[in-house]
Amino acid sequence: MGGYDLIAYAGNAEDVVLMRAFAGHRGGSFVDVGAGEPVSGSLTKNLVDGLGWRGVNVEPLPERHARLQQARPSDVSLCVAVGDEPGTAAFFRVVPGRGKTGGRGLSTLRRDVLEEHLGDGWRHEELRVDVIALETILSAHTKPGFDLLKVDVEGAEAAVLRSADLRVWRPRVIVVEATVPLTSRPSHQEWEPRVLAAGYRLALFDGLNRFYARDDEADLYERLAVPANVLDNYIPYACARRAGLIEPD
């Protein structure tokens, strides 16, 4: 592949770690809560394209959900939010403000998280979204022992993880964003005890996410425990685009 083995689509090269951990495991399955875009920032694009995985993309922003449906016709894509209080709720779409660009990845159910963004110059639009329990999604679309659960919901991770019994579903790997949005302040204290009690070990903290392997997956734990590095021979997506190595998404 032109001097490199892999393009890292995820912002912190999380997908490089996952591709190393699951190397050779074709046809796997995932549930991606807070899936975002199908290409830029995606933790699962390499798994889908390189290993033939299929899964469930959960994304409450309608425009992102539409792009996921178009790009991943073999996946299930749900335009909902996930939490432990099913019903409908306000969802805050973060949009550019003073000197800001982008921002969709900061959108959140949490008003306190929104207030921090507004104080930093972002603006917002309010949507009404359906909220369903993770347990409901798993019951409808997967089976116990699936390969990967990823949670990135801008401050609402604890509510997502409370809404399913991980001791029953036992995904092989769990990846959860573990800092307060746009900061390095840890945010895992509220939800990590639940994950560990369900039979998981922390394999890696990459500065943004915490990677957990099931405690009966010693080999997988070892492959997860090293951050993305030069030996993985990867190139970041943004660099690949600037170099004209891939078409813009």
Protein backbone atom coordinates (compact mmCIF):
# COMPACT_ATOMS: atom_id res chain seq x y z
CA MET A 1 0.00 0.00 0.00
CA GLY A 2 2.60 2.52 -1.11
CA GLY A 3 5.01 2.33 1.84
CA TYR A 4 2.40 1.90 4.56
CA ASP A 5 0.11 -0.93 5.57
CA LEU A 6 -2.90 0.92 6.96
CA ILE A 7 -4.68 4.26 6.92
CA ALA A 8 -5.77 5.35 10.39
CA TYR A 9 -9.25 6.81 9.95
CA ALA A 10 -9.83 7.24 13.69
CA GLY A 11 -8.59 10.50 15.18
CA ASN A 12 -6.26 8.88 17.71
CA ALA A 13 -5.39 5.80 15.62
CA GLU A 14 -7.68 3.64 17.74
CA ASP A 15 -8.51 1.62 14.63
CA VAL A 16 -4.84 0.73 14.21
CA VAL A 17 -4.84 -0.85 17.65
CA LEU A 18 -8.05 -2.72 16.86
CA MET A 19 -6.76 -3.99 13.52
CA ARG A 20 -3.66 -5.31 15.25
CA ALA A 21 -5.71 -6.90 18.02
CA PHE A 22 -8.14 -8.59 15.62
CA ALA A 23 -5.67 -9.38 12.84
CA GLY A 24 -6.90 -12.34 10.81
CA HIS A 25 -10.32 -12.41 12.46
CA ARG A 26 -12.64 -12.07 9.49
CA GLY A 27 -16.39 -11.61 9.63
CA GLY A 28 -16.50 -10.11 13.10
CA SER A 29 -19.27 -7.96 14.55
CA PHE A 30 -19.45 -4.65 16.40
CA VAL A 31 -21.84 -2.23 18.05
CA ASP A 32 -20.69 1.38 17.66
CA VAL A 33 -22.53 3.80 19.97
CA GLY A 34 -21.78 7.29 18.74
CA ALA A 35 -20.63 6.07 15.35
CA GLY A 36 -20.12 9.52 13.80
CA GLU A 37 -19.03 9.52 10.16
CA PRO A 38 -18.52 6.39 8.06
CA VAL A 39 -14.96 7.44 7.07
CA SER A 40 -13.29 10.33 8.91
CA GLY A 41 -12.98 9.52 12.60
CA SER A 42 -14.39 6.01 12.24
CA LEU A 43 -13.04 3.24 14.49
CA THR A 44 -14.76 0.57 12.40
CA LYS A 45 -14.06 1.44 8.73
CA ASN A 46 -10.86 -0.61 8.63
CA LEU A 47 -12.60 -3.55 10.28
CA VAL A 48 -15.39 -3.35 7.70
CA ASP A 49 -13.18 -2.84 4.65
CA GLY A 50 -10.19 -4.95 5.66
CA LEU A 51 -11.75 -7.81 7.60
CA GLY A 52 -15.30 -7.93 6.33
CA TRP A 53 -16.92 -7.04 9.64
CA ARG A 54 -20.55 -5.96 9.94
CA GLY A 55 -22.28 -4.27 12.81
CA VAL A 56 -24.65 -1.74 14.30
CA ASN A 57 -23.97 1.99 13.95
CA VAL A 58 -25.83 4.16 16.46
CA GLU A 59 -25.82 7.84 15.50
CA PRO A 60 -28.48 10.41 16.52
CA LEU A 61 -27.49 13.19 14.10
CA PRO A 62 -29.72 12.71 11.03
CA GLU A 63 -27.14 13.85 8.48
CA ARG A 64 -24.51 11.48 9.84
CA HIS A 65 -27.01 8.65 10.07
CA ALA A 66 -27.88 9.18 6.40
CA ARG A 67 -24.21 9.00 5.40
CA LEU A 68 -23.75 5.80 7.41
CA GLN A 69 -26.76 4.23 5.71
CA GLN A 70 -25.40 5.13 2.29
CA ALA A 71 -21.81 4.03 2.96
CA ARG A 72 -22.63 0.90 4.98
CA PRO A 73 -25.68 -0.75 3.39
CA SER A 74 -24.80 -4.12 4.96
CA ASP A 75 -24.77 -2.66 8.49
CA VAL A 76 -27.69 -1.72 10.70
CA SER A 77 -27.70 2.05 11.27
CA LEU A 78 -29.98 3.51 13.95
CA CYS A 79 -30.82 7.21 14.25
CA VAL A 80 -31.27 7.18 18.02
CA ALA A 81 -29.41 8.03 21.21
CA VAL A 82 -28.63 5.47 23.91
CA GLY A 83 -29.19 5.83 27.64
CA ASP A 84 -30.74 4.41 30.77
CA GLU A 85 -33.89 6.57 30.59
CA PRO A 86 -35.69 5.49 27.40
CA GLY A 87 -38.10 7.91 25.78
CA THR A 88 -37.38 11.18 24.01
CA ALA A 89 -34.83 13.79 25.02
CA ALA A 90 -33.16 16.99 23.91
CA PHE A 91 -30.01 16.38 21.90
CA PHE A 92 -27.65 19.29 21.44
CA ARG A 93 -25.99 19.55 18.04
CA VAL A 94 -22.82 21.59 18.51
CA VAL A 95 -22.06 23.89 15.57
CA PRO A 96 -19.31 26.42 14.77
CA GLY A 97 -19.17 29.64 16.77
CA ARG A 98 -16.53 32.31 17.27
CA GLY A 99 -13.53 31.20 15.21
CA LYS A 100 -14.68 27.58 15.34
CA THR A 101 -15.05 24.99 12.60
CA GLY A 102 -16.63 21.55 12.66
CA GLY A 103 -18.10 20.61 16.03
CA ARG A 104 -20.54 17.82 15.12
CA GLY A 105 -18.43 15.36 17.08
CA LEU A 106 -19.07 17.38 20.25
CA SER A 107 -22.87 16.99 20.08
CA THR A 108 -24.28 15.61 23.31
CA LEU A 109 -27.27 14.70 25.46
CA ARG A 110 -25.63 16.33 28.45
CA ARG A 111 -26.60 19.95 29.09
CA ASP A 112 -23.65 20.47 31.45
CA VAL A 113 -21.26 19.36 28.69
CA LEU A 114 -23.02 21.70 26.27
CA GLU A 115 -22.60 24.62 28.67
CA GLU A 116 -18.84 24.10 28.69
CA HIS A 117 -18.76 24.19 24.89
CA LEU A 118 -20.90 27.33 24.77
CA GLY A 119 -18.47 28.99 27.17
CA ASP A 120 -15.67 28.18 24.72
CA GLY A 121 -17.44 29.91 21.84
CA TRP A 122 -19.41 27.09 20.21
CA ARG A 123 -23.08 27.43 19.32
CA HIS A 124 -25.80 24.79 19.33
CA GLU A 125 -29.05 23.62 17.81
CA GLU A 126 -31.51 21.52 19.80
CA LEU A 127 -33.07 18.36 18.39
CA ARG A 128 -35.55 15.90 19.88
CA VAL A 129 -34.29 12.34 19.65
CA ASP A 130 -35.49 8.92 20.67
CA VAL A 131 -33.44 7.38 23.49
CA ILE A 132 -33.32 3.61 23.84
CA ALA A 133 -31.42 1.28 26.14
CA LEU A 134 -28.31 -0.47 24.91
CA GLU A 135 -29.95 -3.70 26.12
CA THR A 136 -32.72 -3.18 23.54
CA ILE A 137 -30.25 -2.69 20.68
CA LEU A 138 -28.18 -5.73 21.64
CA SER A 139 -31.26 -7.93 22.01
CA ALA A 140 -32.51 -6.95 18.56
CA HIS A 141 -29.30 -6.97 16.55
CA THR A 142 -26.53 -9.13 18.02
CA LYS A 143 -25.80 -12.06 20.30
CA PRO A 144 -23.64 -12.56 23.39
CA GLY A 145 -19.92 -12.71 22.73
CA PHE A 146 -19.85 -10.26 19.82
CA ASP A 147 -16.44 -8.80 19.13
CA LEU A 148 -16.45 -5.06 19.83
CA LEU A 149 -18.50 -2.52 21.76
CA LYS A 150 -17.39 1.08 21.24
CA VAL A 151 -18.92 3.99 23.19
CA ASP A 152 -18.21 7.65 22.39
CA VAL A 153 -21.12 9.83 23.49
CA GLU A 154 -19.57 13.05 24.76
CA GLY A 155 -20.08 12.68 28.49
CA ALA A 156 -23.00 10.23 28.54
CA GLU A 157 -20.90 7.05 28.65
CA ALA A 158 -22.06 6.03 32.13
CA ALA A 159 -25.73 6.12 31.09
CA VAL A 160 -24.99 3.96 28.05
CA LEU A 161 -23.08 1.36 30.04
CA ARG A 162 -25.75 1.26 32.75
CA SER A 163 -28.38 0.43 30.16
CA ALA A 164 -27.16 -3.12 29.38
CA ASP A 165 -25.87 -6.07 31.40
CA LEU A 166 -22.31 -6.56 30.20
CA ARG A 167 -22.06 -9.78 32.21
CA VAL A 168 -24.63 -11.27 29.84
CA TRP A 169 -23.50 -9.76 26.53
CA ARG A 170 -19.75 -10.15 27.09
CA PRO A 171 -18.31 -8.34 24.04
CA ARG A 172 -14.71 -9.42 23.58
CA VAL A 173 -13.38 -5.83 23.55
CA ILE A 174 -14.87 -2.61 24.89
CA VAL A 175 -13.52 0.82 23.88
CA VAL A 176 -14.88 3.86 25.72
CA GLU A 177 -13.94 7.53 25.40
CA ALA A 178 -12.60 8.32 28.86
CA THR A 179 -11.85 12.04 29.13
CA VAL A 180 -14.04 15.09 29.57
CA PRO A 181 -14.73 16.35 26.01
CA LEU A 182 -11.87 18.47 24.60
CA THR A 183 -9.78 18.03 27.75
CA SER A 184 -7.36 15.53 29.23
CA ARG A 185 -9.36 15.31 32.47
CA PRO A 186 -10.30 11.67 33.18
CA SER A 187 -14.00 10.79 33.21
CA HIS A 188 -13.93 7.03 33.67
CA GLN A 189 -14.38 6.91 37.44
CA GLU A 190 -18.18 6.86 37.17
CA TRP A 191 -18.47 3.90 34.81
CA GLU A 192 -15.23 1.85 34.91
CA PRO A 193 -16.11 -0.15 38.07
CA ARG A 194 -19.14 -1.55 36.23
CA VAL A 195 -16.95 -2.67 33.33
CA LEU A 196 -14.34 -4.31 35.56
CA ALA A 197 -17.01 -6.04 37.64
CA ALA A 198 -18.42 -7.56 34.44
CA GLY A 199 -15.17 -9.45 33.91
CA TYR A 200 -12.87 -7.11 31.99
CA ARG A 201 -9.29 -5.92 32.33
CA LEU A 202 -7.99 -2.53 31.29
CA ALA A 203 -5.51 -3.15 28.48
CA LEU A 204 -4.70 0.38 27.31
CA PHE A 205 -5.35 4.06 27.91
CA ASP A 206 -4.28 5.99 24.81
CA GLY A 207 -4.80 9.47 26.27
CA LEU A 208 -8.41 9.59 25.08
CA ASN A 209 -9.94 6.10 25.22
CA ARG A 210 -9.76 3.13 27.53
CA PHE A 211 -9.54 -0.30 25.89
CA TYR A 212 -10.78 -3.33 27.83
CA ALA A 213 -10.43 -7.03 27.03
CA ARG A 214 -12.49 -9.80 28.54
CA ASP A 215 -10.59 -11.47 31.34
CA ASP A 216 -10.63 -14.81 29.48
CA GLU A 217 -8.95 -13.28 26.41
CA ALA A 218 -5.28 -13.18 27.39
CA ASP A 219 -3.93 -13.06 23.81
CA LEU A 220 -6.35 -10.32 22.82
CA TYR A 221 -5.40 -8.38 25.95
CA GLU A 222 -1.71 -8.48 24.99
CA ARG A 223 -2.38 -7.29 21.43
CA LEU A 224 -4.49 -4.39 22.73
CA ALA A 225 -2.02 -3.30 25.38
CA VAL A 226 0.37 -1.39 23.07
CA PRO A 227 -0.64 1.97 21.58
CA ALA A 228 -0.45 2.59 17.84
CA ASN A 229 3.20 3.10 16.93
CA VAL A 230 5.72 3.18 14.11
CA LEU A 231 5.84 -0.63 13.96
CA ASP A 232 2.19 -0.64 12.90
CA ASN A 233 3.30 1.13 9.70
CA TYR A 234 0.23 3.35 9.35
CA ILE A 235 -0.50 6.80 7.98
CA PRO A 236 -3.16 9.15 9.40
CA TYR A 237 -6.19 9.74 7.20
CA ALA A 238 -5.58 13.50 7.03
CA CYS A 239 -2.03 12.93 5.77
CA ALA A 240 -3.23 10.41 3.18
CA ARG A 241 -5.74 12.95 1.89
CA ARG A 242 -3.21 15.78 1.71
CA ALA A 243 -0.81 13.55 -0.18
CA GLY A 244 -3.54 12.64 -2.67
CA LEU A 245 -3.27 8.95 -1.77
CA ILE A 246 -7.03 8.56 -1.35
CA GLU A 247 -10.11 10.30 -2.64
CA PRO A 248 -11.81 12.80 -0.29
CA ASP A 249 -14.85 11.35 1.50
